[in-house]
N, C-alpha and C. Protein backbone atom coordinates (compact mmCIF):
# COMPACT_ATOMS: atom_id res chain seq x y z
N UNK A 1 0.86 -1.23 0.00
CA UNK A 1 0.08 -0.07 0.00
C UNK A 1 0.85 1.28 -0.02
N UNK A 2 0.56 2.23 -0.75
CA UNK A 2 1.32 3.33 -1.00
C UNK A 2 0.92 4.46 -0.06
N UNK A 3 1.84 5.22 0.51
CA UNK A 3 1.48 6.31 1.35
C UNK A 3 1.98 7.64 0.69
N UNK A 4 1.17 8.65 0.85
CA UNK A 4 1.40 9.94 0.11
C UNK A 4 2.44 10.75 1.13
N UNK A 5 3.33 11.24 0.43
CA UNK A 5 4.33 12.08 1.10
C UNK A 5 3.70 13.38 1.67
N UNK A 6 4.15 13.73 2.84
CA UNK A 6 3.61 14.90 3.56
C UNK A 6 4.57 16.08 3.15
N UNK A 7 4.00 17.08 2.37
CA UNK A 7 4.93 18.11 1.74
C UNK A 7 5.16 19.22 2.88
N UNK A 8 4.85 19.01 4.14
CA UNK A 8 5.03 19.92 5.20
C UNK A 8 6.56 20.43 5.26
N UNK A 9 6.71 21.53 5.83
CA UNK A 9 8.08 21.98 6.04
C UNK A 9 8.41 23.16 5.04
N UNK A 10 9.35 23.94 5.46
CA UNK A 10 9.74 25.00 4.61
C UNK A 10 10.31 24.55 3.22
N UNK A 11 9.97 25.25 2.28
CA UNK A 11 10.50 24.85 0.81
C UNK A 11 11.78 25.71 0.60
N UNK A 12 12.63 24.99 -0.16
CA UNK A 12 13.85 25.67 -0.61
C UNK A 12 14.21 25.38 -2.04
N UNK A 13 14.92 26.30 -2.61
CA UNK A 13 15.34 26.16 -4.06
C UNK A 13 16.42 25.02 -4.03
N UNK A 14 16.16 23.99 -5.03
CA UNK A 14 17.19 22.89 -5.15
C UNK A 14 18.48 23.44 -5.75
N UNK A 15 19.61 22.77 -5.24
CA UNK A 15 20.88 22.93 -5.90
C UNK A 15 21.12 22.51 -7.18
N UNK A 16 22.12 22.75 -8.00
CA UNK A 16 22.22 22.15 -9.29
C UNK A 16 22.46 20.70 -9.26
N UNK A 17 23.05 20.19 -8.23
CA UNK A 17 23.21 18.79 -8.07
C UNK A 17 21.93 18.11 -7.75
N UNK A 18 21.09 18.73 -7.01
CA UNK A 18 19.74 18.17 -6.75
C UNK A 18 18.93 18.16 -8.02
N UNK A 19 18.96 19.23 -8.80
CA UNK A 19 18.34 19.26 -9.99
C UNK A 19 18.74 18.18 -10.94
N UNK A 20 20.01 17.89 -10.95
CA UNK A 20 20.48 16.80 -11.82
C UNK A 20 19.95 15.40 -11.32
N UNK A 21 19.94 15.26 -10.12
CA UNK A 21 19.38 14.02 -9.41
C UNK A 21 18.00 13.93 -9.91
N UNK A 22 17.15 14.94 -9.76
CA UNK A 22 15.72 14.87 -10.03
C UNK A 22 15.53 14.48 -11.54
N UNK A 23 16.45 15.16 -12.37
CA UNK A 23 16.22 14.90 -13.83
C UNK A 23 16.58 13.60 -14.22
N UNK A 24 17.62 13.08 -13.68
CA UNK A 24 18.08 11.80 -14.09
C UNK A 24 17.34 10.59 -13.26
N UNK A 25 16.61 11.01 -12.32
CA UNK A 25 15.81 9.93 -11.64
C UNK A 25 16.64 9.23 -10.62
N UNK A 26 17.79 9.70 -10.11
CA UNK A 26 18.67 8.97 -9.22
C UNK A 26 18.07 8.97 -7.81
N UNK A 27 17.05 9.74 -7.51
CA UNK A 27 16.40 9.71 -6.26
C UNK A 27 14.93 9.60 -6.37
N UNK A 28 14.52 8.29 -6.59
CA UNK A 28 13.14 7.99 -6.66
C UNK A 28 12.68 7.24 -5.51
N UNK A 29 11.36 7.17 -5.40
CA UNK A 29 10.75 6.49 -4.21
C UNK A 29 9.89 5.44 -4.78
N UNK A 30 10.20 4.21 -4.46
CA UNK A 30 9.57 3.09 -5.06
C UNK A 30 8.35 2.64 -4.17
N UNK A 31 7.63 1.62 -4.64
CA UNK A 31 6.52 1.12 -3.94
C UNK A 31 6.76 0.62 -2.49
N UNK A 32 8.01 0.41 -2.27
CA UNK A 32 8.32 -0.12 -0.89
C UNK A 32 8.50 1.18 0.08
N UNK A 33 8.50 2.38 -0.48
CA UNK A 33 8.70 3.47 0.39
C UNK A 33 10.03 3.84 0.75
N UNK A 34 11.15 3.09 0.15
CA UNK A 34 12.44 3.39 0.42
C UNK A 34 13.06 4.20 -0.75
N UNK A 35 14.17 4.84 -0.45
CA UNK A 35 14.67 5.90 -1.38
C UNK A 35 15.80 5.15 -2.26
N UNK A 36 15.85 5.62 -3.48
CA UNK A 36 17.08 5.43 -4.29
C UNK A 36 17.27 4.11 -4.90
N UNK A 37 16.31 3.17 -4.86
CA UNK A 37 16.51 1.83 -5.46
C UNK A 37 17.50 0.90 -4.65
N UNK A 38 17.64 1.20 -3.34
CA UNK A 38 18.55 0.28 -2.55
C UNK A 38 17.91 -1.08 -2.41
N UNK A 39 18.77 -2.04 -2.31
CA UNK A 39 18.31 -3.47 -2.24
C UNK A 39 17.26 -3.68 -1.00
N UNK A 40 16.34 -4.51 -1.28
CA UNK A 40 15.35 -4.76 -0.19
C UNK A 40 15.90 -5.78 0.73
N UNK A 41 16.44 -5.36 1.96
CA UNK A 41 17.05 -6.37 2.85
C UNK A 41 16.07 -7.28 3.56
N UNK A 42 14.71 -7.02 3.49
CA UNK A 42 13.70 -7.83 4.28
C UNK A 42 12.80 -8.62 3.23
N UNK A 43 12.92 -8.38 1.90
CA UNK A 43 11.97 -8.94 0.99
C UNK A 43 11.77 -10.43 1.09
N UNK A 44 12.86 -11.14 1.50
CA UNK A 44 12.74 -12.64 1.55
C UNK A 44 12.38 -13.12 2.89
N UNK A 45 12.00 -12.29 3.87
CA UNK A 45 11.84 -12.71 5.18
C UNK A 45 10.33 -13.17 5.45
N UNK A 46 10.17 -14.09 6.30
CA UNK A 46 8.81 -14.45 6.91
C UNK A 46 8.61 -13.75 8.19
N UNK A 47 7.57 -12.85 8.31
CA UNK A 47 7.55 -12.06 9.53
C UNK A 47 6.14 -12.48 10.16
N UNK A 48 6.17 -12.79 11.49
CA UNK A 48 4.93 -13.04 12.22
C UNK A 48 4.63 -11.87 13.05
N UNK A 49 3.34 -11.48 13.09
CA UNK A 49 2.91 -10.42 14.05
C UNK A 49 2.00 -10.99 15.04
N UNK A 50 2.35 -11.09 16.22
CA UNK A 50 1.53 -11.59 17.26
C UNK A 50 1.13 -10.53 18.26
N UNK A 51 0.33 -9.69 17.76
CA UNK A 51 -0.23 -8.45 18.55
C UNK A 51 -1.59 -8.28 18.33
N UNK A 52 -2.33 -7.97 19.50
CA UNK A 52 -3.71 -7.63 19.45
C UNK A 52 -4.05 -6.54 18.31
N UNK A 53 -4.92 -6.93 17.48
CA UNK A 53 -5.20 -5.92 16.27
C UNK A 53 -6.04 -4.76 16.63
N UNK A 54 -5.50 -3.53 16.38
CA UNK A 54 -6.26 -2.35 16.44
C UNK A 54 -5.73 -1.43 15.31
N UNK A 55 -6.04 -0.18 15.37
CA UNK A 55 -5.75 0.70 14.32
C UNK A 55 -4.24 0.94 14.20
N UNK A 56 -3.49 0.95 15.46
CA UNK A 56 -2.10 1.08 15.52
C UNK A 56 -1.41 -0.06 14.92
N UNK A 57 -1.95 -1.28 15.17
CA UNK A 57 -1.26 -2.49 14.72
C UNK A 57 -1.60 -2.58 13.21
N UNK A 58 -2.65 -2.10 12.77
CA UNK A 58 -3.07 -2.17 11.27
C UNK A 58 -1.92 -1.28 10.54
N UNK A 59 -1.63 -0.19 11.19
CA UNK A 59 -0.53 0.72 10.55
C UNK A 59 0.77 0.01 10.58
N UNK A 60 1.09 -0.77 11.72
CA UNK A 60 2.29 -1.48 11.83
C UNK A 60 2.47 -2.51 10.64
N UNK A 61 1.41 -3.23 10.48
CA UNK A 61 1.28 -4.29 9.47
C UNK A 61 1.51 -3.71 8.12
N UNK A 62 0.88 -2.53 7.88
CA UNK A 62 1.05 -1.89 6.50
C UNK A 62 2.65 -1.52 6.36
N UNK A 63 3.20 -0.98 7.32
CA UNK A 63 4.59 -0.64 7.23
C UNK A 63 5.47 -1.88 6.96
N UNK A 64 5.19 -2.96 7.60
CA UNK A 64 6.03 -4.19 7.38
C UNK A 64 5.71 -4.73 5.99
N UNK A 65 4.48 -4.66 5.49
CA UNK A 65 4.17 -5.03 4.18
C UNK A 65 5.00 -4.29 3.12
N UNK A 66 5.23 -2.99 3.39
CA UNK A 66 5.95 -2.06 2.53
C UNK A 66 7.31 -2.56 2.18
N UNK A 67 7.93 -3.33 3.19
CA UNK A 67 9.21 -3.84 2.98
C UNK A 67 9.27 -5.04 1.98
N UNK A 68 8.04 -5.56 1.69
CA UNK A 68 7.84 -6.66 0.69
C UNK A 68 8.08 -8.00 1.30
N UNK A 69 8.24 -7.98 2.66
CA UNK A 69 8.37 -9.29 3.41
C UNK A 69 7.00 -9.92 3.41
N UNK A 70 7.07 -11.28 3.71
CA UNK A 70 5.83 -12.02 3.79
C UNK A 70 5.31 -11.85 5.30
N UNK A 71 4.30 -11.21 5.36
CA UNK A 71 3.76 -10.80 6.78
C UNK A 71 2.50 -11.66 7.17
N UNK A 72 2.52 -12.20 8.19
CA UNK A 72 1.24 -12.90 8.64
C UNK A 72 0.92 -12.55 10.10
N UNK A 73 -0.35 -12.11 10.35
CA UNK A 73 -0.85 -11.85 11.64
C UNK A 73 -1.61 -12.89 12.27
N UNK A 74 -1.26 -13.19 13.64
CA UNK A 74 -1.95 -14.25 14.37
C UNK A 74 -2.35 -13.70 15.72
N UNK A 75 -3.56 -13.89 16.00
CA UNK A 75 -4.10 -13.43 17.38
C UNK A 75 -5.47 -14.22 17.52
N UNK A 76 -5.64 -14.86 18.71
CA UNK A 76 -4.91 -14.79 19.93
C UNK A 76 -3.47 -15.38 19.81
N UNK A 77 -2.65 -14.98 20.71
CA UNK A 77 -1.33 -15.36 20.69
C UNK A 77 -1.20 -16.87 21.06
N UNK A 78 -0.59 -17.81 20.25
CA UNK A 78 -0.53 -19.14 20.50
C UNK A 78 0.12 -19.48 21.83
N UNK A 79 -0.15 -20.65 22.35
CA UNK A 79 0.58 -21.05 23.54
C UNK A 79 2.21 -21.11 23.45
N UNK A 80 2.64 -21.40 22.23
CA UNK A 80 4.03 -21.39 22.00
C UNK A 80 4.32 -20.55 20.76
N UNK A 81 5.25 -19.62 20.74
CA UNK A 81 5.55 -18.77 19.65
C UNK A 81 6.08 -19.73 18.38
N UNK A 82 5.47 -19.60 17.28
CA UNK A 82 5.86 -20.48 16.16
C UNK A 82 7.44 -20.09 15.78
N UNK A 83 8.13 -21.27 15.41
CA UNK A 83 9.53 -21.02 15.06
C UNK A 83 9.74 -21.12 13.61
N UNK A 84 8.63 -21.09 12.79
CA UNK A 84 8.79 -21.08 11.32
C UNK A 84 8.82 -19.70 10.78
N UNK A 85 9.19 -18.64 11.57
CA UNK A 85 9.43 -17.29 11.07
C UNK A 85 10.91 -16.88 11.09
N UNK A 86 11.16 -15.99 10.27
CA UNK A 86 12.58 -15.45 10.30
C UNK A 86 12.59 -14.34 11.53
N UNK A 87 11.46 -13.58 11.58
CA UNK A 87 11.34 -12.47 12.62
C UNK A 87 9.93 -12.45 13.20
N UNK A 88 9.82 -12.33 14.41
CA UNK A 88 8.67 -12.22 15.11
C UNK A 88 8.39 -10.98 15.90
N UNK A 89 7.31 -10.22 15.59
CA UNK A 89 6.89 -9.11 16.31
C UNK A 89 5.87 -9.67 17.39
N UNK A 90 6.13 -9.51 18.65
CA UNK A 90 5.28 -10.11 19.78
C UNK A 90 4.85 -9.13 20.72
N UNK A 91 3.66 -9.11 21.12
CA UNK A 91 3.22 -8.13 22.14
C UNK A 91 3.77 -8.64 23.53
N UNK A 92 4.25 -7.60 24.17
CA UNK A 92 4.86 -7.95 25.60
C UNK A 92 3.79 -8.14 26.54
N UNK A 93 3.51 -9.48 27.08
CA UNK A 93 2.54 -9.87 27.85
C UNK A 93 3.35 -10.58 29.15
N UNK A 94 2.63 -10.64 30.29
CA UNK A 94 3.19 -11.17 31.50
C UNK A 94 3.72 -12.64 31.36
N UNK A 95 3.06 -13.43 30.53
CA UNK A 95 3.37 -14.82 30.51
C UNK A 95 4.19 -15.16 29.21
N UNK A 96 4.69 -14.18 28.45
CA UNK A 96 5.49 -14.31 27.23
C UNK A 96 6.67 -15.23 27.40
N UNK A 97 7.55 -15.07 28.61
CA UNK A 97 8.65 -16.02 28.63
C UNK A 97 8.24 -17.54 28.59
N UNK A 98 7.02 -17.77 29.01
CA UNK A 98 6.51 -19.24 28.91
C UNK A 98 6.15 -19.66 27.55
N UNK A 99 5.87 -18.66 26.77
CA UNK A 99 5.49 -18.94 25.31
C UNK A 99 6.64 -19.01 24.41
N UNK A 100 7.84 -18.54 24.80
CA UNK A 100 8.97 -18.67 23.91
C UNK A 100 9.41 -20.01 23.85
N UNK A 101 9.66 -20.66 22.71
CA UNK A 101 9.98 -22.04 22.57
C UNK A 101 11.39 -22.35 22.64
N UNK A 102 12.26 -21.25 22.76
CA UNK A 102 13.68 -21.48 22.74
C UNK A 102 14.24 -21.26 24.25
N UNK A 103 15.47 -21.80 24.44
CA UNK A 103 16.17 -21.45 25.68
C UNK A 103 16.73 -20.16 25.61
N UNK A 104 16.89 -19.59 26.81
CA UNK A 104 17.55 -18.18 26.95
C UNK A 104 18.84 -18.17 26.31
N UNK A 105 19.09 -17.21 25.37
CA UNK A 105 20.37 -17.08 24.68
C UNK A 105 20.38 -17.84 23.44
N UNK A 106 19.42 -18.61 23.08
CA UNK A 106 19.42 -19.58 21.88
C UNK A 106 18.08 -19.33 21.05
N UNK A 107 17.88 -18.13 20.66
CA UNK A 107 16.59 -17.75 20.06
C UNK A 107 16.47 -18.59 18.68
N UNK A 108 15.22 -18.94 18.32
CA UNK A 108 15.03 -19.52 17.10
C UNK A 108 14.57 -18.57 15.93
N UNK A 109 14.40 -17.27 16.31
CA UNK A 109 13.97 -16.29 15.35
C UNK A 109 14.40 -14.87 15.95
N UNK A 110 14.60 -13.90 15.18
CA UNK A 110 14.74 -12.55 15.57
C UNK A 110 13.53 -12.08 16.29
N UNK A 111 13.58 -11.47 17.55
CA UNK A 111 12.33 -11.22 18.37
C UNK A 111 12.31 -9.70 18.57
N UNK A 112 11.16 -9.13 18.20
CA UNK A 112 10.95 -7.74 18.39
C UNK A 112 9.62 -7.72 19.37
N UNK A 113 9.84 -6.96 20.47
CA UNK A 113 8.70 -6.83 21.30
C UNK A 113 7.92 -5.59 21.00
N UNK A 114 6.63 -5.65 20.95
CA UNK A 114 5.79 -4.54 20.74
C UNK A 114 5.05 -4.04 21.90
N UNK A 115 5.27 -2.75 22.27
CA UNK A 115 4.68 -2.21 23.44
C UNK A 115 3.51 -1.31 23.04
N UNK A 116 2.19 -1.75 23.47
CA UNK A 116 1.09 -0.85 23.16
C UNK A 116 1.18 0.57 23.76
N UNK A 117 0.55 1.53 23.23
CA UNK A 117 0.43 2.88 23.75
C UNK A 117 -0.19 2.73 25.18
N UNK A 118 0.33 3.50 26.19
CA UNK A 118 -0.30 3.60 27.47
C UNK A 118 0.05 2.34 28.40
N UNK A 119 0.74 1.45 27.88
CA UNK A 119 1.07 0.27 28.73
C UNK A 119 2.44 0.55 29.53
N UNK A 120 2.50 0.44 30.77
CA UNK A 120 3.66 0.69 31.44
C UNK A 120 4.87 -0.30 31.08
N UNK A 121 6.00 0.13 30.91
CA UNK A 121 7.16 -0.72 30.53
C UNK A 121 7.62 -1.46 31.65
N UNK A 122 7.62 -2.93 31.67
CA UNK A 122 8.13 -3.73 32.70
C UNK A 122 9.59 -4.15 32.27
N UNK A 123 10.56 -3.47 32.79
CA UNK A 123 11.87 -3.68 32.34
C UNK A 123 12.34 -5.12 32.87
N UNK A 124 11.91 -5.57 33.94
CA UNK A 124 12.20 -6.89 34.47
C UNK A 124 11.77 -8.01 33.51
N UNK A 125 10.55 -7.90 33.01
CA UNK A 125 9.93 -8.79 31.94
C UNK A 125 10.69 -8.67 30.64
N UNK A 126 10.98 -7.40 30.30
CA UNK A 126 11.79 -7.13 29.03
C UNK A 126 13.09 -7.81 29.12
N UNK A 127 13.83 -7.85 30.28
CA UNK A 127 15.13 -8.46 30.41
C UNK A 127 15.05 -9.95 30.27
N UNK A 128 13.93 -10.53 30.85
CA UNK A 128 13.82 -11.96 30.80
C UNK A 128 13.53 -12.46 29.35
N UNK A 129 12.77 -11.66 28.60
CA UNK A 129 12.40 -12.07 27.23
C UNK A 129 13.63 -11.96 26.19
N UNK A 130 14.61 -11.06 26.60
CA UNK A 130 15.79 -10.81 25.85
C UNK A 130 15.49 -10.64 24.39
N UNK A 131 14.69 -9.55 24.05
CA UNK A 131 14.41 -9.35 22.66
C UNK A 131 15.63 -8.65 21.87
N UNK A 132 15.49 -8.76 20.61
CA UNK A 132 16.60 -8.10 19.76
C UNK A 132 16.31 -6.59 19.48
N UNK A 133 15.07 -6.21 19.66
CA UNK A 133 14.61 -4.88 19.50
C UNK A 133 13.30 -4.65 20.11
N UNK A 134 12.86 -3.37 20.14
CA UNK A 134 11.63 -2.92 20.88
C UNK A 134 10.97 -1.89 19.98
N UNK A 135 9.69 -2.03 19.78
CA UNK A 135 9.06 -0.84 19.09
C UNK A 135 7.82 -0.47 19.99
N UNK A 136 7.52 0.78 20.01
CA UNK A 136 6.36 1.28 20.83
C UNK A 136 5.24 1.76 19.86
N UNK A 137 4.09 1.39 20.05
CA UNK A 137 2.80 1.92 19.23
C UNK A 137 2.44 3.24 19.77
N UNK A 138 2.03 4.15 18.84
CA UNK A 138 2.06 3.92 17.37
C UNK A 138 3.41 4.03 16.74
N UNK A 139 3.69 3.35 15.70
CA UNK A 139 5.04 3.33 15.05
C UNK A 139 5.19 4.51 13.87
N UNK A 140 6.37 4.73 13.63
CA UNK A 140 6.76 5.45 12.48
C UNK A 140 7.43 4.63 11.43
N UNK A 141 7.43 4.92 10.16
CA UNK A 141 8.15 4.08 9.22
C UNK A 141 9.67 3.90 9.57
N UNK A 142 10.26 4.94 9.97
CA UNK A 142 11.67 4.85 10.32
C UNK A 142 11.91 3.85 11.54
N UNK A 143 10.97 3.98 12.41
CA UNK A 143 11.01 3.12 13.68
C UNK A 143 10.97 1.70 13.28
N UNK A 144 10.00 1.35 12.34
CA UNK A 144 9.89 0.00 11.93
C UNK A 144 11.14 -0.53 11.25
N UNK A 145 11.59 0.28 10.28
CA UNK A 145 12.78 -0.24 9.50
C UNK A 145 14.03 -0.37 10.43
N UNK A 146 14.17 0.65 11.45
CA UNK A 146 15.25 0.51 12.32
C UNK A 146 15.15 -0.78 13.22
N UNK A 147 14.04 -1.09 13.64
CA UNK A 147 13.81 -2.20 14.60
C UNK A 147 14.06 -3.55 13.75
N UNK A 148 13.60 -3.58 12.51
CA UNK A 148 13.83 -4.79 11.64
C UNK A 148 15.29 -5.00 11.43
N UNK A 149 15.98 -3.88 11.14
CA UNK A 149 17.44 -3.97 10.83
C UNK A 149 18.16 -4.40 12.04
N UNK A 150 17.92 -3.75 13.09
CA UNK A 150 18.68 -4.05 14.36
C UNK A 150 18.36 -5.50 14.81
N UNK A 151 17.00 -5.84 14.85
CA UNK A 151 16.79 -7.29 15.38
C UNK A 151 17.42 -8.30 14.38
N UNK A 152 17.31 -8.12 13.15
CA UNK A 152 17.82 -9.08 12.21
C UNK A 152 19.37 -9.22 12.31
N UNK A 153 20.04 -8.05 12.44
CA UNK A 153 21.44 -8.08 12.55
C UNK A 153 22.00 -8.75 13.85
N UNK A 154 21.28 -8.50 14.91
CA UNK A 154 21.63 -8.97 16.20
C UNK A 154 21.43 -10.53 16.13
N UNK A 155 20.35 -10.90 15.60
CA UNK A 155 20.11 -12.36 15.53
C UNK A 155 21.14 -13.09 14.72
N UNK A 156 21.53 -12.57 13.55
CA UNK A 156 22.54 -13.23 12.66
C UNK A 156 23.84 -13.21 13.40
N UNK A 157 24.11 -12.15 14.14
CA UNK A 157 25.41 -12.04 14.87
C UNK A 157 25.44 -13.14 15.95
N UNK A 158 24.35 -13.24 16.71
CA UNK A 158 24.26 -14.26 17.73
C UNK A 158 24.36 -15.75 17.12
N UNK A 159 23.84 -15.95 15.94
CA UNK A 159 23.94 -17.14 15.34
C UNK A 159 25.33 -17.54 14.92
N UNK A 160 26.05 -16.52 14.38
CA UNK A 160 27.53 -16.73 14.02
C UNK A 160 28.30 -16.97 15.41
N UNK A 161 28.08 -16.31 16.44
CA UNK A 161 28.78 -16.57 17.64
C UNK A 161 28.43 -17.95 18.12
N UNK A 162 27.22 -18.46 18.07
CA UNK A 162 26.94 -19.79 18.45
C UNK A 162 27.59 -20.79 17.58
N UNK A 163 27.71 -20.53 16.38
CA UNK A 163 28.47 -21.52 15.42
C UNK A 163 29.84 -21.62 15.83
N UNK A 164 30.61 -20.43 16.20
CA UNK A 164 31.97 -20.43 16.59
C UNK A 164 32.07 -21.21 17.89
N UNK A 165 31.15 -20.98 18.89
CA UNK A 165 31.22 -21.72 20.06
C UNK A 165 31.09 -23.15 19.88
N UNK A 166 30.16 -23.58 19.06
CA UNK A 166 30.00 -25.01 18.78
C UNK A 166 31.30 -25.57 18.31
N UNK A 167 31.89 -24.94 17.32
CA UNK A 167 33.25 -25.39 16.78
C UNK A 167 34.26 -25.44 17.82
N UNK A 168 34.34 -24.47 18.74
CA UNK A 168 35.33 -24.53 19.76
C UNK A 168 35.01 -25.76 20.72
N UNK A 169 33.74 -25.89 21.11
CA UNK A 169 33.45 -27.15 21.87
C UNK A 169 33.85 -28.33 21.16
N UNK A 170 33.59 -28.48 19.92
CA UNK A 170 33.92 -29.63 19.22
C UNK A 170 35.50 -29.95 19.27
N UNK A 171 36.24 -28.84 19.05
CA UNK A 171 37.71 -28.93 19.15
C UNK A 171 38.29 -29.37 20.52
N UNK A 172 37.51 -28.81 21.53
CA UNK A 172 37.93 -29.14 22.92
C UNK A 172 37.61 -30.70 23.22
N UNK A 173 36.48 -31.11 22.71
CA UNK A 173 36.12 -32.54 22.92
C UNK A 173 37.11 -33.43 22.19
N UNK A 174 37.52 -33.01 20.92
CA UNK A 174 38.46 -33.85 20.11
C UNK A 174 39.84 -33.80 20.86
N UNK A 175 40.31 -32.67 21.36
CA UNK A 175 41.56 -32.58 22.02
C UNK A 175 41.55 -33.50 23.37
N UNK A 176 40.47 -33.55 24.06
CA UNK A 176 40.38 -34.43 25.26
C UNK A 176 40.44 -35.91 24.89
N UNK A 177 39.69 -36.20 23.79
CA UNK A 177 39.64 -37.64 23.30
C UNK A 177 41.06 -38.02 22.85
N UNK A 178 41.69 -37.15 22.14
CA UNK A 178 43.03 -37.50 21.72
C UNK A 178 44.00 -37.71 22.88
N UNK A 179 43.92 -36.81 23.84
CA UNK A 179 44.82 -36.97 24.99
C UNK A 179 44.51 -38.26 25.78
N UNK A 180 43.29 -38.64 25.89
CA UNK A 180 42.88 -39.92 26.67
C UNK A 180 43.32 -41.11 25.88
N UNK A 181 43.13 -40.92 24.49
CA UNK A 181 43.57 -42.05 23.63
C UNK A 181 45.12 -42.29 23.73
N UNK A 182 45.85 -41.14 23.73
CA UNK A 182 47.30 -41.23 23.86
C UNK A 182 47.59 -41.91 25.17
N UNK A 183 47.05 -41.52 26.23
CA UNK A 183 47.29 -42.14 27.58
C UNK A 183 47.13 -43.63 27.47
N UNK A 184 45.92 -44.04 26.80
CA UNK A 184 45.73 -45.52 26.76
C UNK A 184 46.73 -46.24 25.92
N UNK A 185 47.20 -45.70 24.74
CA UNK A 185 48.16 -46.27 23.97
C UNK A 185 49.58 -46.24 24.67
N UNK A 186 49.88 -45.22 25.46
CA UNK A 186 51.07 -45.17 26.21
C UNK A 186 51.15 -46.41 27.24
N UNK A 187 50.06 -46.67 27.78
CA UNK A 187 49.91 -47.61 28.89
C UNK A 187 49.89 -49.06 28.27
N UNK A 188 49.03 -49.28 27.10
CA UNK A 188 48.81 -50.65 26.63
C UNK A 188 49.92 -51.02 25.69
N UNK A 189 50.46 -50.07 24.86
CA UNK A 189 51.51 -50.38 23.81
C UNK A 189 52.83 -50.05 24.33
N UNK A 190 52.94 -49.35 25.45
CA UNK A 190 54.28 -48.98 25.92
C UNK A 190 54.98 -47.90 25.00
N UNK A 191 54.14 -47.02 24.38
CA UNK A 191 54.73 -46.03 23.43
C UNK A 191 55.07 -44.79 24.21
N UNK A 192 55.93 -43.95 23.55
CA UNK A 192 56.12 -42.61 24.10
C UNK A 192 55.00 -41.77 23.70
N UNK A 193 54.77 -40.57 24.27
CA UNK A 193 53.73 -39.67 24.09
C UNK A 193 53.78 -39.22 22.51
N UNK A 194 54.99 -38.95 22.01
CA UNK A 194 55.10 -38.60 20.53
C UNK A 194 54.73 -39.78 19.62
N UNK A 195 55.18 -40.93 20.01
CA UNK A 195 54.94 -42.16 19.15
C UNK A 195 53.41 -42.51 19.23
N UNK A 196 52.79 -42.26 20.38
CA UNK A 196 51.33 -42.55 20.54
C UNK A 196 50.52 -41.51 19.61
N UNK A 197 51.01 -40.28 19.54
CA UNK A 197 50.21 -39.39 18.63
C UNK A 197 50.45 -39.85 17.29
N UNK A 198 51.70 -40.09 16.88
CA UNK A 198 51.91 -40.52 15.48
C UNK A 198 51.19 -41.74 15.03
N UNK A 199 51.00 -42.72 16.12
CA UNK A 199 50.20 -43.83 15.78
C UNK A 199 48.73 -43.49 15.53
N UNK A 200 48.16 -42.56 16.30
CA UNK A 200 46.85 -42.13 16.10
C UNK A 200 46.64 -41.55 14.67
N UNK A 201 47.62 -40.66 14.39
CA UNK A 201 47.52 -39.96 13.20
C UNK A 201 47.57 -40.88 11.96
N UNK A 202 48.57 -41.78 11.99
CA UNK A 202 48.79 -42.68 10.89
C UNK A 202 47.50 -43.67 10.78
N UNK A 203 47.09 -44.06 11.78
CA UNK A 203 45.84 -45.04 11.80
C UNK A 203 44.67 -44.29 11.33
N UNK A 204 44.50 -43.05 11.66
CA UNK A 204 43.35 -42.24 11.16
C UNK A 204 43.38 -42.02 9.67
N UNK A 205 44.60 -41.77 9.12
CA UNK A 205 44.79 -41.54 7.71
C UNK A 205 44.47 -42.91 6.98
N UNK A 206 45.02 -43.93 7.53
CA UNK A 206 44.83 -45.26 6.81
C UNK A 206 43.33 -45.61 6.75
N UNK A 207 42.63 -45.31 7.83
CA UNK A 207 41.17 -45.70 7.79
C UNK A 207 40.30 -44.44 7.33
N UNK A 208 40.89 -43.38 6.96
CA UNK A 208 40.23 -42.24 6.40
C UNK A 208 39.10 -41.68 7.31
N UNK A 209 39.54 -41.56 8.57
CA UNK A 209 38.59 -40.94 9.54
C UNK A 209 39.36 -39.86 10.27
N UNK A 210 38.62 -38.82 10.74
CA UNK A 210 39.32 -37.77 11.57
C UNK A 210 39.92 -38.38 12.79
N UNK A 211 41.07 -37.83 13.19
CA UNK A 211 41.76 -38.28 14.36
C UNK A 211 40.90 -38.29 15.59
N UNK A 212 39.98 -37.30 15.76
CA UNK A 212 39.23 -37.24 16.85
C UNK A 212 38.14 -38.51 16.99
N UNK A 213 37.64 -38.90 15.85
CA UNK A 213 36.75 -39.95 15.76
C UNK A 213 37.51 -41.29 16.13
N UNK A 214 38.81 -41.46 15.63
CA UNK A 214 39.51 -42.62 16.01
C UNK A 214 39.83 -42.60 17.52
N UNK A 215 40.27 -41.42 18.08
CA UNK A 215 40.47 -41.33 19.48
C UNK A 215 39.35 -41.61 20.34
N UNK A 216 38.09 -41.14 19.89
CA UNK A 216 36.93 -41.51 20.68
C UNK A 216 36.56 -43.00 20.61
N UNK A 217 36.92 -43.68 19.55
CA UNK A 217 36.66 -45.05 19.42
C UNK A 217 37.59 -45.84 20.37
N UNK A 218 38.83 -45.39 20.45
CA UNK A 218 39.69 -46.06 21.35
C UNK A 218 39.21 -45.81 22.86
N UNK A 219 38.92 -44.64 23.21
CA UNK A 219 38.45 -44.32 24.53
C UNK A 219 37.22 -45.13 24.82
N UNK A 220 36.32 -45.22 23.93
CA UNK A 220 34.98 -45.96 24.14
C UNK A 220 35.24 -47.44 24.30
N UNK A 221 36.12 -47.99 23.56
CA UNK A 221 36.48 -49.41 23.57
C UNK A 221 37.03 -49.71 24.89
N UNK A 222 38.08 -48.85 25.37
CA UNK A 222 38.68 -49.01 26.64
C UNK A 222 37.72 -48.95 27.79
N UNK A 223 36.73 -47.98 27.68
CA UNK A 223 35.77 -47.85 28.78
C UNK A 223 34.83 -49.14 28.75
N UNK A 224 34.61 -49.72 27.54
CA UNK A 224 33.64 -50.89 27.40
C UNK A 224 34.36 -52.09 27.97
N UNK A 225 35.62 -52.24 27.87
CA UNK A 225 36.41 -53.35 28.37
C UNK A 225 36.75 -53.31 29.85
N UNK A 226 36.73 -51.99 30.31
CA UNK A 226 36.99 -51.76 31.72
C UNK A 226 38.52 -51.65 31.83
């Protein structure tokens, strides 16, 4: 849905550079309401709106639709927030923490909390829900775009951090398995620490398995045999 520009404000004569921009069409406003033909960062997103519908929320939904994202409104709020969205705008309610399907610090989607007009802000509840952004009704177009950008960027940053943490955890587990496997080889085969490591590496290459997998097999077999 298109919105007409408000021509309010003092008028001024355009500069030569501005006249050139107008003439060549380098500053146009498209159906999305964004300037200059910039790429649409939200066009491929699925956005869920879980907020009680009223005039202010209707306006919020229209602003979200202007980003060309796939927007779906759901109310009443389900017992558990759906995880099939890329981004969820959710009304802040007292039992919201129980409705979030993910563990704290491990969100399944970018979360934006919507604060209705006249509702006191509960900072404690806000902290527990750990949103990526917050918007207050009624919204402005810039507030909606800012919240979407901030929430999406924070979510993707958290996901990259979790991926790095998972890799570090895997590396630590591998190192522990290798050290335990070396200790077993040192004791059972009477090898030096260096020879035990070379044995692990050579055997892993021959069997075409990662050294961590081989080390874990040796540790498991030793534990099984007692």
